[in-house]
Amino acid sequence: MPNRYVCSAIEEVRKALAVYKDDYKIASENGFETLVFSTASYRHVLALTEEIQTYVNRMEASLQDRKDLEYWYERKKELKADVKKLKKKKEKLEGKKKGKTKPYSDLRDKLHG
């Protein structure tokens, strides 16, 4: 079964309303006129409305997922840069440490050697 899109569900609502266009009455309440459909047409339109809501919820979730993915991609780049800086700092500190300990090891060799 091919994927169904929001537009196709909305088109089906239009068709359902066109089929049931004579299957309604106009109700007036508090100065507002509303269409009241028969139970069968109401259920069909209600089901299609739920289907549309499901599609739209999925689209919103997908957009949020993409936003999250972009955030974590940027965060990964920042962390990689931090790791690179820390590695350079570590190498620099290890180089200084080796430079400081060398004279002491030479002195120890002279005293014990």
Protein backbone atom coordinates (compact mmCIF):
# COMPACT_ATOMS: atom_id res chain seq x y z
CA MET A 1 0.00 0.00 0.00
CA PRO A 2 1.53 3.34 -0.99
CA ASN A 3 2.00 6.07 1.58
CA ARG A 4 -0.95 8.34 2.05
CA TYR A 5 -0.47 12.05 2.50
CA VAL A 6 -2.41 14.77 4.30
CA CYS A 7 -3.53 16.24 0.99
CA SER A 8 -5.10 12.96 -0.10
CA ALA A 9 -6.96 12.68 3.22
CA ILE A 10 -8.20 16.27 2.89
CA GLU A 11 -9.31 15.53 -0.67
CA GLU A 12 -11.28 12.56 0.64
CA VAL A 13 -12.95 14.83 3.22
CA ARG A 14 -13.96 17.16 0.39
CA LYS A 15 -15.40 14.24 -1.56
CA ALA A 16 -17.25 12.98 1.50
CA LEU A 17 -18.71 16.42 2.13
CA ALA A 18 -19.71 16.68 -1.54
CA VAL A 19 -21.46 13.30 -1.37
CA TYR A 20 -23.24 14.25 1.82
CA LYS A 21 -24.03 17.80 0.77
CA ASP A 22 -27.74 17.02 0.74
CA ASP A 23 -27.49 14.95 3.91
CA TYR A 24 -27.46 17.79 6.43
CA LYS A 25 -29.61 20.36 8.08
CA ILE A 26 -28.76 23.85 9.23
CA ALA A 27 -29.02 24.47 12.94
CA SER A 28 -29.06 27.95 14.41
CA GLU A 29 -27.84 28.54 17.90
CA ASN A 30 -26.91 31.86 19.51
CA GLY A 31 -27.02 33.54 16.13
CA PHE A 32 -24.59 31.08 14.52
CA GLU A 33 -25.59 28.68 11.79
CA THR A 34 -23.91 25.30 11.73
CA LEU A 35 -24.21 22.28 9.46
CA VAL A 36 -25.45 19.15 11.16
CA PHE A 37 -24.70 15.98 9.18
CA SER A 38 -26.28 12.58 9.54
CA THR A 39 -24.52 10.03 11.74
CA ALA A 40 -22.99 8.08 8.83
CA SER A 41 -21.42 11.09 7.17
CA TYR A 42 -20.35 12.50 10.51
CA ARG A 43 -18.48 9.29 11.39
CA HIS A 44 -16.73 9.24 8.03
CA VAL A 45 -15.61 12.86 8.29
CA LEU A 46 -14.62 12.31 11.92
CA ALA A 47 -12.47 9.32 10.97
CA LEU A 48 -10.81 11.29 8.19
CA THR A 49 -10.17 14.16 10.60
CA GLU A 50 -8.43 11.76 12.98
CA GLU A 51 -6.35 10.44 10.08
CA ILE A 52 -5.31 13.97 9.13
CA GLN A 53 -4.39 14.70 12.75
CA THR A 54 -2.18 11.59 12.80
CA TYR A 55 -0.36 12.67 9.62
CA VAL A 56 0.19 16.18 10.93
CA ASN A 57 1.47 14.86 14.27
CA ARG A 58 3.98 12.69 12.40
CA MET A 59 5.12 15.67 10.34
CA GLU A 60 5.63 17.77 13.47
CA ALA A 61 7.55 14.94 15.14
CA SER A 62 9.75 14.58 12.07
CA LEU A 63 10.51 18.30 12.07
CA GLN A 64 11.43 18.14 15.75
CA ASP A 65 13.65 15.11 15.11
CA ARG A 66 15.47 17.00 12.36
CA LYS A 67 15.95 19.97 14.66
CA ASP A 68 17.35 17.67 17.36
CA LEU A 69 19.63 15.99 14.83
CA GLU A 70 21.04 19.34 13.74
CA TYR A 71 21.60 20.32 17.37
CA TRP A 72 23.48 17.09 18.16
CA TYR A 73 25.54 17.37 14.98
CA GLU A 74 26.66 20.87 16.01
CA ARG A 75 27.29 19.65 19.56
CA LYS A 76 29.44 16.81 18.19
CA LYS A 77 31.54 19.31 16.22
CA GLU A 78 32.02 21.43 19.36
CA LEU A 79 33.06 18.41 21.43
CA LYS A 80 35.50 17.23 18.76
CA ALA A 81 37.11 20.67 18.79
CA ASP A 82 37.33 20.53 22.60
CA VAL A 83 38.94 17.08 22.47
CA LYS A 84 41.46 18.32 19.92
CA LYS A 85 42.37 21.28 22.16
CA LEU A 86 42.69 19.02 25.19
CA LYS A 87 44.94 16.59 23.30
CA LYS A 88 47.21 19.45 22.26
CA LYS A 89 47.27 20.72 25.84
CA LYS A 90 48.09 17.21 27.09
CA GLU A 91 50.94 16.83 24.61
CA LYS A 92 52.27 20.22 25.62
CA LEU A 93 52.11 19.33 29.32
CA GLU A 94 53.71 15.93 28.73
CA GLY A 95 56.48 17.61 26.77
CA LYS A 96 57.14 20.02 29.65
CA LYS A 97 57.02 17.18 32.16
CA LYS A 98 59.59 15.19 30.17
CA GLY A 99 61.79 18.25 29.88
CA LYS A 100 61.73 18.80 33.67
CA THR A 101 62.42 15.22 34.62
CA LYS A 102 65.32 14.72 32.26
CA PRO A 103 67.85 16.76 34.26
CA TYR A 104 66.88 14.91 37.44
CA SER A 105 67.38 11.56 35.78
CA ASP A 106 70.78 12.72 34.54
CA LEU A 107 71.68 13.85 38.05
CA ARG A 108 70.58 10.53 39.50
CA ASP A 109 72.70 8.66 36.96
CA LYS A 110 75.74 10.76 37.94
CA LEU A 111 75.21 10.17 41.66
CA HIS A 112 74.57 6.43 41.40
CA GLY A 113 76.55 5.69 38.33
